[in-house]
Amino acid sequence: MPKIIIEDLKIYAYHGVLPEETKTGTYYLINLEMNADIWNATESDDLNDTVNYAEINEIIHTEMKIPSKLLEKVCGRIIHKIHEKFPQIESLKIKLTKTSPPMMGEMKGVSVEFEKKF
């Protein structure tokens, strides 16, 4: 099954349980992998025969602007909106990473990952 992959999309946003997280914000990385039957696009060269990843990018940016306490909630919104716009997507995997979580220790970030088959 063909895949469309968005890798390490970096967005500044304001998610978190702690009040300072919603005031100061931090960078987030989004990785998205979508499976869809887009074989027709290999012959047609027509955007209507594939999934428009520019529109996927816009959906992600829009949903990341809405502050949430949990990264799980943000992922759920993104998955729902993408599938609503592109029902031809058969499965979707998303990984959302908070790059500077307010926790002790040095780390690259904390992530949640969801995979959904439709």
PDB file of N, CA and C in Angstrom:
ATOM      1  N   MET A   1       0.851  -1.187   0.000  1.00  0.00           N
ATOM      2  CA  MET A   1       0.000   0.000   0.000  1.00  0.00           C
ATOM      3  C   MET A   1       0.893   1.245   0.000  1.00  0.00           C
ATOM      4  N   PRO A   2       0.653   2.163  -0.897  1.00  0.00           N
ATOM      5  CA  PRO A   2       1.434   3.405  -0.926  1.00  0.00           C
ATOM      6  C   PRO A   2       1.267   4.205   0.375  1.00  0.00           C
ATOM      7  N   LYS A   3       2.298   4.970   0.679  1.00  0.00           N
ATOM      8  CA  LYS A   3       2.285   5.814   1.878  1.00  0.00           C
ATOM      9  C   LYS A   3       2.625   7.241   1.510  1.00  0.00           C
ATOM     10  N   ILE A   4       2.045   8.152   2.250  1.00  0.00           N
ATOM     11  CA  ILE A   4       2.459   9.551   2.225  1.00  0.00           C
ATOM     12  C   ILE A   4       2.960   9.844   3.630  1.00  0.00           C
ATOM     13  N   ILE A   5       4.148  10.411   3.720  1.00  0.00           N
ATOM     14  CA  ILE A   5       4.797  10.612   5.017  1.00  0.00           C
ATOM     15  C   ILE A   5       5.179  12.083   5.178  1.00  0.00           C
ATOM     16  N   ILE A   6       4.816  12.633   6.307  1.00  0.00           N
ATOM     17  CA  ILE A   6       5.275  13.968   6.700  1.00  0.00           C
ATOM     18  C   ILE A   6       6.230  13.749   7.867  1.00  0.00           C
ATOM     19  N   GLU A   7       7.452  14.258   7.736  1.00  0.00           N
ATOM     20  CA  GLU A   7       8.484  13.988   8.733  1.00  0.00           C
ATOM     21  C   GLU A   7       8.933  15.255   9.460  1.00  0.00           C
ATOM     22  N   ASP A   8       8.939  15.149  10.773  1.00  0.00           N
ATOM     23  CA  ASP A   8       9.491  16.192  11.645  1.00  0.00           C
ATOM     24  C   ASP A   8       8.969  17.596  11.330  1.00  0.00           C
ATOM     25  N   LEU A   9       7.666  17.706  11.179  1.00  0.00           N
ATOM     26  CA  LEU A   9       7.031  19.016  11.037  1.00  0.00           C
ATOM     27  C   LEU A   9       7.146  19.720  12.385  1.00  0.00           C
ATOM     28  N   LYS A  10       7.796  20.872  12.406  1.00  0.00           N
ATOM     29  CA  LYS A  10       8.085  21.594  13.651  1.00  0.00           C
ATOM     30  C   LYS A  10       7.127  22.770  13.797  1.00  0.00           C
ATOM     31  N   ILE A  11       6.386  22.769  14.913  1.00  0.00           N
ATOM     32  CA  ILE A  11       5.388  23.805  15.162  1.00  0.00           C
ATOM     33  C   ILE A  11       5.508  24.279  16.613  1.00  0.00           C
ATOM     34  N   TYR A  12       5.446  25.589  16.814  1.00  0.00           N
ATOM     35  CA  TYR A  12       5.415  26.150  18.166  1.00  0.00           C
ATOM     36  C   TYR A  12       3.958  26.194  18.613  1.00  0.00           C
ATOM     37  N   ALA A  13       3.689  25.629  19.801  1.00  0.00           N
ATOM     38  CA  ALA A  13       2.299  25.573  20.277  1.00  0.00           C
ATOM     39  C   ALA A  13       2.262  25.612  21.804  1.00  0.00           C
ATOM     40  N   TYR A  14       1.045  25.610  22.338  1.00  0.00           N
ATOM     41  CA  TYR A  14       0.815  25.864  23.766  1.00  0.00           C
ATOM     42  C   TYR A  14      -0.051  24.773  24.387  1.00  0.00           C
ATOM     43  N   HIS A  15       0.489  23.577  24.508  1.00  0.00           N
ATOM     44  CA  HIS A  15      -0.249  22.460  25.104  1.00  0.00           C
ATOM     45  C   HIS A  15       0.395  22.067  26.423  1.00  0.00           C
ATOM     46  N   GLY A  16      -0.425  21.588  27.352  1.00  0.00           N
ATOM     47  CA  GLY A  16       0.125  21.073  28.602  1.00  0.00           C
ATOM     48  C   GLY A  16      -0.829  21.227  29.758  1.00  0.00           C
ATOM     49  N   VAL A  17      -0.563  20.466  30.795  1.00  0.00           N
ATOM     50  CA  VAL A  17      -1.376  20.486  32.007  1.00  0.00           C
ATOM     51  C   VAL A  17      -1.006  21.673  32.897  1.00  0.00           C
ATOM     52  N   LEU A  18       0.272  21.991  32.929  1.00  0.00           N
ATOM     53  CA  LEU A  18       0.736  23.078  33.797  1.00  0.00           C
ATOM     54  C   LEU A  18       0.429  24.439  33.177  1.00  0.00           C
ATOM     55  N   PRO A  19       0.004  25.411  33.996  1.00  0.00           N
ATOM     56  CA  PRO A  19      -0.349  26.742  33.467  1.00  0.00           C
ATOM     57  C   PRO A  19       0.775  27.401  32.663  1.00  0.00           C
ATOM     58  N   GLU A  20       2.030  27.225  33.095  1.00  0.00           N
ATOM     59  CA  GLU A  20       3.131  27.868  32.368  1.00  0.00           C
ATOM     60  C   GLU A  20       3.321  27.289  30.965  1.00  0.00           C
ATOM     61  N   GLU A  21       2.906  26.036  30.761  1.00  0.00           N
ATOM     62  CA  GLU A  21       3.033  25.436  29.431  1.00  0.00           C
ATOM     63  C   GLU A  21       2.106  26.116  28.421  1.00  0.00           C
ATOM     64  N   THR A  22       0.945  26.535  28.895  1.00  0.00           N
ATOM     65  CA  THR A  22      -0.003  27.191  27.987  1.00  0.00           C
ATOM     66  C   THR A  22       0.309  28.674  27.816  1.00  0.00           C
ATOM     67  N   LYS A  23       1.216  29.199  28.628  1.00  0.00           N
ATOM     68  CA  LYS A  23       1.629  30.608  28.489  1.00  0.00           C
ATOM     69  C   LYS A  23       2.904  30.751  27.670  1.00  0.00           C
ATOM     70  N   THR A  24       3.897  29.917  27.959  1.00  0.00           N
ATOM     71  CA  THR A  24       5.188  30.057  27.288  1.00  0.00           C
ATOM     72  C   THR A  24       5.290  29.214  26.025  1.00  0.00           C
ATOM     73  N   GLY A  25       4.651  28.051  25.997  1.00  0.00           N
ATOM     74  CA  GLY A  25       4.688  27.173  24.830  1.00  0.00           C
ATOM     75  C   GLY A  25       6.042  26.536  24.609  1.00  0.00           C
ATOM     76  N   THR A  26       6.122  25.717  23.585  1.00  0.00           N
ATOM     77  CA  THR A  26       7.363  25.052  23.198  1.00  0.00           C
ATOM     78  C   THR A  26       7.203  24.510  21.783  1.00  0.00           C
ATOM     79  N   TYR A  27       8.280  23.967  21.251  1.00  0.00           N
ATOM     80  CA  TYR A  27       8.218  23.355  19.928  1.00  0.00           C
ATOM     81  C   TYR A  27       7.720  21.918  20.029  1.00  0.00           C
ATOM     82  N   TYR A  28       6.987  21.529  19.013  1.00  0.00           N
ATOM     83  CA  TYR A  28       6.492  20.166  18.869  1.00  0.00           C
ATOM     84  C   TYR A  28       6.922  19.641  17.510  1.00  0.00           C
ATOM     85  N   LEU A  29       7.171  18.342  17.449  1.00  0.00           N
ATOM     86  CA  LEU A  29       7.477  17.685  16.186  1.00  0.00           C
ATOM     87  C   LEU A  29       6.345  16.715  15.872  1.00  0.00           C
ATOM     88  N   ILE A  30       5.882  16.752  14.640  1.00  0.00           N
ATOM     89  CA  ILE A  30       4.810  15.860  14.211  1.00  0.00           C
ATOM     90  C   ILE A  30       5.322  15.004  13.067  1.00  0.00           C
ATOM     91  N   ASN A  31       5.138  13.704  13.213  1.00  0.00           N
ATOM     92  CA  ASN A  31       5.422  12.755  12.153  1.00  0.00           C
ATOM     93  C   ASN A  31       4.122  12.046  11.834  1.00  0.00           C
ATOM     94  N   LEU A  32       3.812  11.960  10.543  1.00  0.00           N
ATOM     95  CA  LEU A  32       2.539  11.409  10.112  1.00  0.00           C
ATOM     96  C   LEU A  32       2.782  10.466   8.945  1.00  0.00           C
ATOM     97  N   GLU A  33       2.140   9.306   9.007  1.00  0.00           N
ATOM     98  CA  GLU A  33       2.251   8.323   7.935  1.00  0.00           C
ATOM     99  C   GLU A  33       0.842   7.878   7.565  1.00  0.00           C
ATOM    100  N   MET A  34       0.487   8.038   6.286  1.00  0.00           N
ATOM    101  CA  MET A  34      -0.870   7.714   5.830  1.00  0.00           C
ATOM    102  C   MET A  34      -0.798   6.698   4.703  1.00  0.00           C
ATOM    103  N   ASN A  35      -1.625   5.665   4.781  1.00  0.00           N
ATOM    104  CA  ASN A  35      -1.735   4.682   3.712  1.00  0.00           C
ATOM    105  C   ASN A  35      -3.020   4.950   2.950  1.00  0.00           C
ATOM    106  N   ALA A  36      -2.889   5.016   1.628  1.00  0.00           N
ATOM    107  CA  ALA A  36      -4.053   5.229   0.774  1.00  0.00           C
ATOM    108  C   ALA A  36      -3.747   4.677  -0.610  1.00  0.00           C
ATOM    109  N   ASP A  37      -4.797   4.271  -1.298  1.00  0.00           N
ATOM    110  CA  ASP A  37      -4.634   3.783  -2.657  1.00  0.00           C
ATOM    111  C   ASP A  37      -4.505   4.995  -3.583  1.00  0.00           C
ATOM    112  N   ILE A  38      -3.274   5.362  -3.858  1.00  0.00           N
ATOM    113  CA  ILE A  38      -2.998   6.534  -4.701  1.00  0.00           C
ATOM    114  C   ILE A  38      -2.293   6.127  -5.999  1.00  0.00           C
ATOM    115  N   TRP A  39      -2.428   4.859  -6.364  1.00  0.00           N
ATOM    116  CA  TRP A  39      -1.766   4.356  -7.573  1.00  0.00           C
ATOM    117  C   TRP A  39      -2.202   5.095  -8.828  1.00  0.00           C
ATOM    118  N   ASN A  40      -3.454   5.517  -8.899  1.00  0.00           N
ATOM    119  CA  ASN A  40      -3.929   6.214 -10.103  1.00  0.00           C
ATOM    120  C   ASN A  40      -3.114   7.469 -10.391  1.00  0.00           C
ATOM    121  N   ALA A  41      -2.625   8.104  -9.352  1.00  0.00           N
ATOM    122  CA  ALA A  41      -1.833   9.327  -9.529  1.00  0.00           C
ATOM    123  C   ALA A  41      -0.524   9.061 -10.272  1.00  0.00           C
ATOM    124  N   THR A  42      -0.038   7.828 -10.227  1.00  0.00           N
ATOM    125  CA  THR A  42       1.204   7.512 -10.950  1.00  0.00           C
ATOM    126  C   THR A  42       1.010   7.579 -12.453  1.00  0.00           C
ATOM    127  N   GLU A  43      -0.236   7.428 -12.901  1.00  0.00           N
ATOM    128  CA  GLU A  43      -0.541   7.516 -14.334  1.00  0.00           C
ATOM    129  C   GLU A  43      -1.154   8.861 -14.711  1.00  0.00           C
ATOM    130  N   SER A  44      -2.042   9.359 -13.853  1.00  0.00           N
ATOM    131  CA  SER A  44      -2.818  10.555 -14.200  1.00  0.00           C
ATOM    132  C   SER A  44      -2.080  11.867 -13.983  1.00  0.00           C
ATOM    133  N   ASP A  45      -1.162  11.889 -13.019  1.00  0.00           N
ATOM    134  CA  ASP A  45      -0.476  13.126 -12.628  1.00  0.00           C
ATOM    135  C   ASP A  45      -1.486  14.187 -12.178  1.00  0.00           C
ATOM    136  N   ASP A  46      -2.575  13.713 -11.555  1.00  0.00           N
ATOM    137  CA  ASP A  46      -3.690  14.575 -11.148  1.00  0.00           C
ATOM    138  C   ASP A  46      -3.781  14.589  -9.620  1.00  0.00           C
ATOM    139  N   LEU A  47      -3.781  15.768  -9.048  1.00  0.00           N
ATOM    140  CA  LEU A  47      -3.853  15.924  -7.592  1.00  0.00           C
ATOM    141  C   LEU A  47      -5.103  15.268  -7.005  1.00  0.00           C
ATOM    142  N   ASN A  48      -6.177  15.191  -7.783  1.00  0.00           N
ATOM    143  CA  ASN A  48      -7.407  14.572  -7.301  1.00  0.00           C
ATOM    144  C   ASN A  48      -7.273  13.059  -7.092  1.00  0.00           C
ATOM    145  N   ASP A  49      -6.222  12.461  -7.632  1.00  0.00           N
ATOM    146  CA  ASP A  49      -6.002  11.016  -7.485  1.00  0.00           C
ATOM    147  C   ASP A  49      -5.064  10.666  -6.341  1.00  0.00           C
ATOM    148  N   THR A  50      -4.753  11.636  -5.512  1.00  0.00           N
ATOM    149  CA  THR A  50      -3.861  11.388  -4.377  1.00  0.00           C
ATOM    150  C   THR A  50      -4.403  12.118  -3.148  1.00  0.00           C
ATOM    151  N   VAL A  51      -3.605  12.169  -2.104  1.00  0.00           N
ATOM    152  CA  VAL A  51      -3.942  12.918  -0.896  1.00  0.00           C
ATOM    153  C   VAL A  51      -3.072  14.175  -0.907  1.00  0.00           C
ATOM    154  N   ASN A  52      -3.702  15.309  -0.848  1.00  0.00           N
ATOM    155  CA  ASN A  52      -2.991  16.581  -0.919  1.00  0.00           C
ATOM    156  C   ASN A  52      -2.302  16.850   0.424  1.00  0.00           C
ATOM    157  N   TYR A  53      -1.003  16.619   0.468  1.00  0.00           N
ATOM    158  CA  TYR A  53      -0.293  16.776   1.738  1.00  0.00           C
ATOM    159  C   TYR A  53      -0.171  18.228   2.174  1.00  0.00           C
ATOM    160  N   ALA A  54      -0.346  19.182   1.272  1.00  0.00           N
ATOM    161  CA  ALA A  54      -0.389  20.595   1.679  1.00  0.00           C
ATOM    162  C   ALA A  54      -1.637  20.847   2.529  1.00  0.00           C
ATOM    163  N   GLU A  55      -2.751  20.214   2.173  1.00  0.00           N
ATOM    164  CA  GLU A  55      -3.969  20.337   2.975  1.00  0.00           C
ATOM    165  C   GLU A  55      -3.841  19.604   4.305  1.00  0.00           C
ATOM    166  N   ILE A  56      -3.129  18.500   4.315  1.00  0.00           N
ATOM    167  CA  ILE A  56      -2.846  17.785   5.571  1.00  0.00           C
ATOM    168  C   ILE A  56      -2.034  18.698   6.485  1.00  0.00           C
ATOM    169  N   ASN A  57      -1.025  19.342   5.935  1.00  0.00           N
ATOM    170  CA  ASN A  57      -0.189  20.268   6.692  1.00  0.00           C
ATOM    171  C   ASN A  57      -1.035  21.386   7.303  1.00  0.00           C
ATOM    172  N   GLU A  58      -1.975  21.910   6.534  1.00  0.00           N
ATOM    173  CA  GLU A  58      -2.855  22.975   7.018  1.00  0.00           C
ATOM    174  C   GLU A  58      -3.738  22.471   8.176  1.00  0.00           C
ATOM    175  N   ILE A  59      -4.258  21.268   8.051  1.00  0.00           N
ATOM    176  CA  ILE A  59      -5.074  20.674   9.125  1.00  0.00           C
ATOM    177  C   ILE A  59      -4.246  20.565  10.404  1.00  0.00           C
ATOM    178  N   ILE A  60      -3.029  20.066  10.278  1.00  0.00           N
ATOM    179  CA  ILE A  60      -2.166  19.908  11.457  1.00  0.00           C
ATOM    180  C   ILE A  60      -1.916  21.263  12.111  1.00  0.00           C
ATOM    181  N   HIS A  61      -1.551  22.266  11.314  1.00  0.00           N
ATOM    182  CA  HIS A  61      -1.291  23.599  11.870  1.00  0.00           C
ATOM    183  C   HIS A  61      -2.526  24.167  12.570  1.00  0.00           C
ATOM    184  N   THR A  62      -3.688  23.991  11.967  1.00  0.00           N
ATOM    185  CA  THR A  62      -4.933  24.491  12.562  1.00  0.00           C
ATOM    186  C   THR A  62      -5.208  23.826  13.900  1.00  0.00           C
ATOM    187  N   GLU A  63      -5.070  22.513  13.964  1.00  0.00           N
ATOM    188  CA  GLU A  63      -5.354  21.794  15.207  1.00  0.00           C
ATOM    189  C   GLU A  63      -4.301  22.060  16.287  1.00  0.00           C
ATOM    190  N   MET A  64      -3.068  22.296  15.886  1.00  0.00           N
ATOM    191  CA  MET A  64      -2.012  22.595  16.857  1.00  0.00           C
ATOM    192  C   MET A  64      -2.206  23.965  17.495  1.00  0.00           C
ATOM    193  N   LYS A  65      -2.968  24.848  16.862  1.00  0.00           N
ATOM    194  CA  LYS A  65      -3.234  26.176  17.422  1.00  0.00           C
ATOM    195  C   LYS A  65      -4.231  26.133  18.574  1.00  0.00           C
ATOM    196  N   ILE A  66      -4.970  25.030  18.708  1.00  0.00           N
ATOM    197  CA  ILE A  66      -5.985  24.910  19.756  1.00  0.00           C
ATOM    198  C   ILE A  66      -5.329  24.307  20.995  1.00  0.00           C
ATOM    199  N   PRO A  67      -5.141  25.091  22.072  1.00  0.00           N
ATOM    200  CA  PRO A  67      -4.472  24.557  23.266  1.00  0.00           C
ATOM    201  C   PRO A  67      -5.254  23.393  23.883  1.00  0.00           C
ATOM    202  N   SER A  68      -4.521  22.372  24.276  1.00  0.00           N
ATOM    203  CA  SER A  68      -5.096  21.209  24.957  1.00  0.00           C
ATOM    204  C   SER A  68      -4.183  20.812  26.098  1.00  0.00           C
ATOM    205  N   LYS A  69      -4.755  20.202  27.104  1.00  0.00           N
ATOM    206  CA  LYS A  69      -3.950  19.705  28.217  1.00  0.00           C
ATOM    207  C   LYS A  69      -3.121  18.499  27.791  1.00  0.00           C
ATOM    208  N   LEU A  70      -3.735  17.626  26.986  1.00  0.00           N
ATOM    209  CA  LEU A  70      -3.089  16.360  26.647  1.00  0.00           C
ATOM    210  C   LEU A  70      -2.725  16.277  25.169  1.00  0.00           C
ATOM    211  N   LEU A  71      -1.539  15.742  24.905  1.00  0.00           N
ATOM    212  CA  LEU A  71      -1.118  15.496  23.525  1.00  0.00           C
ATOM    213  C   LEU A  71      -2.036  14.465  22.871  1.00  0.00           C
ATOM    214  N   GLU A  72      -2.581  13.570  23.675  1.00  0.00           N
ATOM    215  CA  GLU A  72      -3.512  12.569  23.161  1.00  0.00           C
ATOM    216  C   GLU A  72      -4.726  13.228  22.515  1.00  0.00           C
ATOM    217  N   LYS A  73      -5.226  14.283  23.128  1.00  0.00           N
ATOM    218  CA  LYS A  73      -6.371  15.018  22.603  1.00  0.00           C
ATOM    219  C   LYS A  73      -6.026  15.678  21.271  1.00  0.00           C
ATOM    220  N   VAL A  74      -4.847  16.258  21.194  1.00  0.00           N
ATOM    221  CA  VAL A  74      -4.405  16.909  19.959  1.00  0.00           C
ATOM    222  C   VAL A  74      -4.321  15.876  18.828  1.00  0.00           C
ATOM    223  N   CYS A  75      -3.723  14.728  19.103  1.00  0.00           N
ATOM    224  CA  CYS A  75      -3.621  13.665  18.094  1.00  0.00           C
ATOM    225  C   CYS A  75      -5.002  13.211  17.645  1.00  0.00           C
ATOM    226  N   GLY A  76      -5.916  13.052  18.591  1.00  0.00           N
ATOM    227  CA  GLY A  76      -7.264  12.626  18.254  1.00  0.00           C
ATOM    228  C   GLY A  76      -7.956  13.600  17.311  1.00  0.00           C
ATOM    229  N   ARG A  77      -7.796  14.890  17.566  1.00  0.00           N
ATOM    230  CA  ARG A  77      -8.390  15.907  16.694  1.00  0.00           C
ATOM    231  C   ARG A  77      -7.788  15.858  15.288  1.00  0.00           C
ATOM    232  N   ILE A  78      -6.467  15.737  15.233  1.00  0.00           N
ATOM    233  CA  ILE A  78      -5.781  15.698  13.936  1.00  0.00           C
ATOM    234  C   ILE A  78      -6.240  14.483  13.134  1.00  0.00           C
ATOM    235  N   ILE A  79      -6.276  13.324  13.765  1.00  0.00           N
ATOM    236  CA  ILE A  79      -6.719  12.100  13.083  1.00  0.00           C
ATOM    237  C   ILE A  79      -8.142  12.275  12.555  1.00  0.00           C
ATOM    238  N   HIS A  80      -9.028  12.768  13.394  1.00  0.00           N
ATOM    239  CA  HIS A  80     -10.426  12.935  13.010  1.00  0.00           C
ATOM    240  C   HIS A  80     -10.563  13.888  11.821  1.00  0.00           C
ATOM    241  N   LYS A  81      -9.896  15.035  11.875  1.00  0.00           N
ATOM    242  CA  LYS A  81     -10.006  16.038  10.810  1.00  0.00           C
ATOM    243  C   LYS A  81      -9.423  15.534   9.487  1.00  0.00           C
ATOM    244  N   ILE A  82      -8.306  14.835   9.564  1.00  0.00           N
ATOM    245  CA  ILE A  82      -7.697  14.308   8.340  1.00  0.00           C
ATOM    246  C   ILE A  82      -8.620  13.276   7.697  1.00  0.00           C
ATOM    247  N   HIS A  83      -9.144  12.356   8.502  1.00  0.00           N
ATOM    248  CA  HIS A  83     -10.016  11.324   7.931  1.00  0.00           C
ATOM    249  C   HIS A  83     -11.320  11.925   7.402  1.00  0.00           C
ATOM    250  N   GLU A  84     -11.799  12.951   8.057  1.00  0.00           N
ATOM    251  CA  GLU A  84     -13.012  13.640   7.598  1.00  0.00           C
ATOM    252  C   GLU A  84     -12.789  14.256   6.215  1.00  0.00           C
ATOM    253  N   LYS A  85     -11.626  14.846   6.003  1.00  0.00           N
ATOM    254  CA  LYS A  85     -11.296  15.511   4.732  1.00  0.00           C
ATOM    255  C   LYS A  85     -10.895  14.504   3.645  1.00  0.00           C
ATOM    256  N   PHE A  86     -10.214  13.436   4.047  1.00  0.00           N
ATOM    257  CA  PHE A  86      -9.691  12.448   3.104  1.00  0.00           C
ATOM    258  C   PHE A  86     -10.124  11.033   3.502  1.00  0.00           C
ATOM    259  N   PRO A  87     -11.370  10.672   3.233  1.00  0.00           N
ATOM    260  CA  PRO A  87     -11.862   9.351   3.632  1.00  0.00           C
ATOM    261  C   PRO A  87     -11.173   8.196   2.899  1.00  0.00           C
ATOM    262  N   GLN A  88     -10.442   8.490   1.818  1.00  0.00           N
ATOM    263  CA  GLN A  88      -9.728   7.438   1.101  1.00  0.00           C
ATOM    264  C   GLN A  88      -8.497   6.937   1.861  1.00  0.00           C
ATOM    265  N   ILE A  89      -8.097   7.640   2.911  1.00  0.00           N
ATOM    266  CA  ILE A  89      -6.973   7.181   3.731  1.00  0.00           C
ATOM    267  C   ILE A  89      -7.428   5.943   4.491  1.00  0.00           C
ATOM    268  N   GLU A  90      -6.674   4.860   4.340  1.00  0.00           N
ATOM    269  CA  GLU A  90      -7.045   3.581   4.949  1.00  0.00           C
ATOM    270  C   GLU A  90      -6.456   3.396   6.344  1.00  0.00           C
ATOM    271  N   SER A  91      -5.310   3.996   6.582  1.00  0.00           N
ATOM    272  CA  SER A  91      -4.731   3.965   7.932  1.00  0.00           C
ATOM    273  C   SER A  91      -3.846   5.186   8.096  1.00  0.00           C
ATOM    274  N   LEU A  92      -3.665   5.557   9.344  1.00  0.00           N
ATOM    275  CA  LEU A  92      -2.912   6.770   9.665  1.00  0.00           C
ATOM    276  C   LEU A  92      -2.145   6.525  10.960  1.00  0.00           C
ATOM    277  N   LYS A  93      -0.891   6.902  10.949  1.00  0.00           N
ATOM    278  CA  LYS A  93      -0.079   6.829  12.168  1.00  0.00           C
ATOM    279  C   LYS A  93       0.469   8.222  12.429  1.00  0.00           C
ATOM    280  N   ILE A  94       0.326   8.679  13.671  1.00  0.00           N
ATOM    281  CA  ILE A  94       0.826   9.997  14.049  1.00  0.00           C
ATOM    282  C   ILE A  94       1.676   9.874  15.308  1.00  0.00           C
ATOM    283  N   LYS A  95       2.772  10.607  15.308  1.00  0.00           N
ATOM    284  CA  LYS A  95       3.627  10.717  16.492  1.00  0.00           C
ATOM    285  C   LYS A  95       3.790  12.203  16.770  1.00  0.00           C
ATOM    286  N   LEU A  96       3.427  12.615  17.976  1.00  0.00           N
ATOM    287  CA  LEU A  96       3.518  14.017  18.398  1.00  0.00           C
ATOM    288  C   LEU A  96       4.495  14.097  19.554  1.00  0.00           C
ATOM    289  N   THR A  97       5.544  14.900  19.394  1.00  0.00           N
ATOM    290  CA  THR A  97       6.612  15.011  20.388  1.00  0.00           C
ATOM    291  C   THR A  97       6.674  16.423  20.944  1.00  0.00           C
ATOM    292  N   LYS A  98       6.621  16.527  22.262  1.00  0.00           N
ATOM    293  CA  LYS A  98       6.871  17.800  22.948  1.00  0.00           C
ATOM    294  C   LYS A  98       8.374  17.848  23.190  1.00  0.00           C
ATOM    295  N   THR A  99       9.051  18.847  22.587  1.00  0.00           N
ATOM    296  CA  THR A  99      10.517  18.851  22.609  1.00  0.00           C
ATOM    297  C   THR A  99      11.119  19.294  23.940  1.00  0.00           C
ATOM    298  N   SER A 100      10.404  20.079  24.710  1.00  0.00           N
ATOM    299  CA  SER A 100      10.949  20.554  25.985  1.00  0.00           C
ATOM    300  C   SER A 100       9.929  20.381  27.108  1.00  0.00           C
ATOM    301  N   PRO A 101       9.656  19.150  27.482  1.00  0.00           N
ATOM    302  CA  PRO A 101       8.684  18.949  28.557  1.00  0.00           C
ATOM    303  C   PRO A 101       9.249  19.437  29.893  1.00  0.00           C
ATOM    304  N   PRO A 102       8.384  19.965  30.764  1.00  0.00           N
ATOM    305  CA  PRO A 102       8.864  20.484  32.050  1.00  0.00           C
ATOM    306  C   PRO A 102       9.108  19.350  33.050  1.00  0.00           C
ATOM    307  N   MET A 103      10.148  18.560  32.777  1.00  0.00           N
ATOM    308  CA  MET A 103      10.493  17.436  33.654  1.00  0.00           C
ATOM    309  C   MET A 103      11.992  17.438  33.886  1.00  0.00           C
ATOM    310  N   MET A 104      12.397  16.782  34.964  1.00  0.00           N
ATOM    311  CA  MET A 104      13.821  16.694  35.275  1.00  0.00           C
ATOM    312  C   MET A 104      14.520  15.772  34.291  1.00  0.00           C
ATOM    313  N   GLY A 105      15.752  16.080  34.020  1.00  0.00           N
ATOM    314  CA  GLY A 105      16.556  15.230  33.147  1.00  0.00           C
ATOM    315  C   GLY A 105      16.637  15.792  31.741  1.00  0.00           C
ATOM    316  N   GLU A 106      17.686  15.383  31.070  1.00  0.00           N
ATOM    317  CA  GLU A 106      17.900  15.838  29.703  1.00  0.00           C
ATOM    318  C   GLU A 106      17.297  14.820  28.743  1.00  0.00           C
ATOM    319  N   MET A 107      16.506  15.312  27.788  1.00  0.00           N
ATOM    320  CA  MET A 107      15.869  14.412  26.827  1.00  0.00           C
ATOM    321  C   MET A 107      15.562  15.173  25.550  1.00  0.00           C
ATOM    322  N   LYS A 108      15.344  14.438  24.495  1.00  0.00           N
ATOM    323  CA  LYS A 108      14.941  15.050  23.224  1.00  0.00           C
ATOM    324  C   LYS A 108      13.471  15.432  23.250  1.00  0.00           C
ATOM    325  N   GLY A 109      12.690  14.766  24.077  1.00  0.00           N
ATOM    326  CA  GLY A 109      11.275  15.076  24.161  1.00  0.00           C
ATOM    327  C   GLY A 109      10.467  13.903  24.672  1.00  0.00           C
ATOM    328  N   VAL A 110       9.184  14.135  24.779  1.00  0.00           N
ATOM    329  CA  VAL A 110       8.222  13.117  25.176  1.00  0.00           C
ATOM    330  C   VAL A 110       7.184  13.026  24.067  1.00  0.00           C
ATOM    331  N   SER A 111       6.850  11.804  23.674  1.00  0.00           N
ATOM    332  CA  SER A 111       5.959  11.611  22.534  1.00  0.00           C
ATOM    333  C   SER A 111       4.773  10.735  22.875  1.00  0.00           C
ATOM    334  N   VAL A 112       3.705  10.926  22.103  1.00  0.00           N
ATOM    335  CA  VAL A 112       2.599   9.976  22.053  1.00  0.00           C
ATOM    336  C   VAL A 112       2.458   9.569  20.594  1.00  0.00           C
ATOM    337  N   GLU A 113       2.069   8.322  20.382  1.00  0.00           N
ATOM    338  CA  GLU A 113       1.919   7.822  19.021  1.00  0.00           C
ATOM    339  C   GLU A 113       0.639   7.016  18.937  1.00  0.00           C
ATOM    340  N   PHE A 114      -0.121   7.270  17.870  1.00  0.00           N
ATOM    341  CA  PHE A 114      -1.374   6.569  17.631  1.00  0.00           C
ATOM    342  C   PHE A 114      -1.387   6.046  16.212  1.00  0.00           C
ATOM    343  N   GLU A 115      -1.969   4.883  16.036  1.00  0.00           N
ATOM    344  CA  GLU A 115      -2.193   4.334  14.706  1.00  0.00           C
ATOM    345  C   GLU A 115      -3.650   3.930  14.594  1.00  0.00           C
ATOM    346  N   LYS A 116      -4.288   4.375  13.524  1.00  0.00           N
ATOM    347  CA  LYS A 116      -5.720   4.118  13.346  1.00  0.00           C
ATOM    348  C   LYS A 116      -5.953   3.554  11.954  1.00  0.00           C
ATOM    349  N   LYS A 117      -6.705   2.444  11.899  1.00  0.00           N
ATOM    350  CA  LYS A 117      -7.136   1.870  10.614  1.00  0.00           C
ATOM    351  C   LYS A 117      -8.595   2.229  10.429  1.00  0.00           C
ATOM    352  N   PHE A 118      -8.972   2.627   9.236  1.00  0.00           N
ATOM    353  CA  PHE A 118     -10.347   3.055   8.968  1.00  0.00           C
ATOM    354  C   PHE A 118     -11.076   2.010   8.139  1.00  0.00           C
TER     355      PHE A 118
END
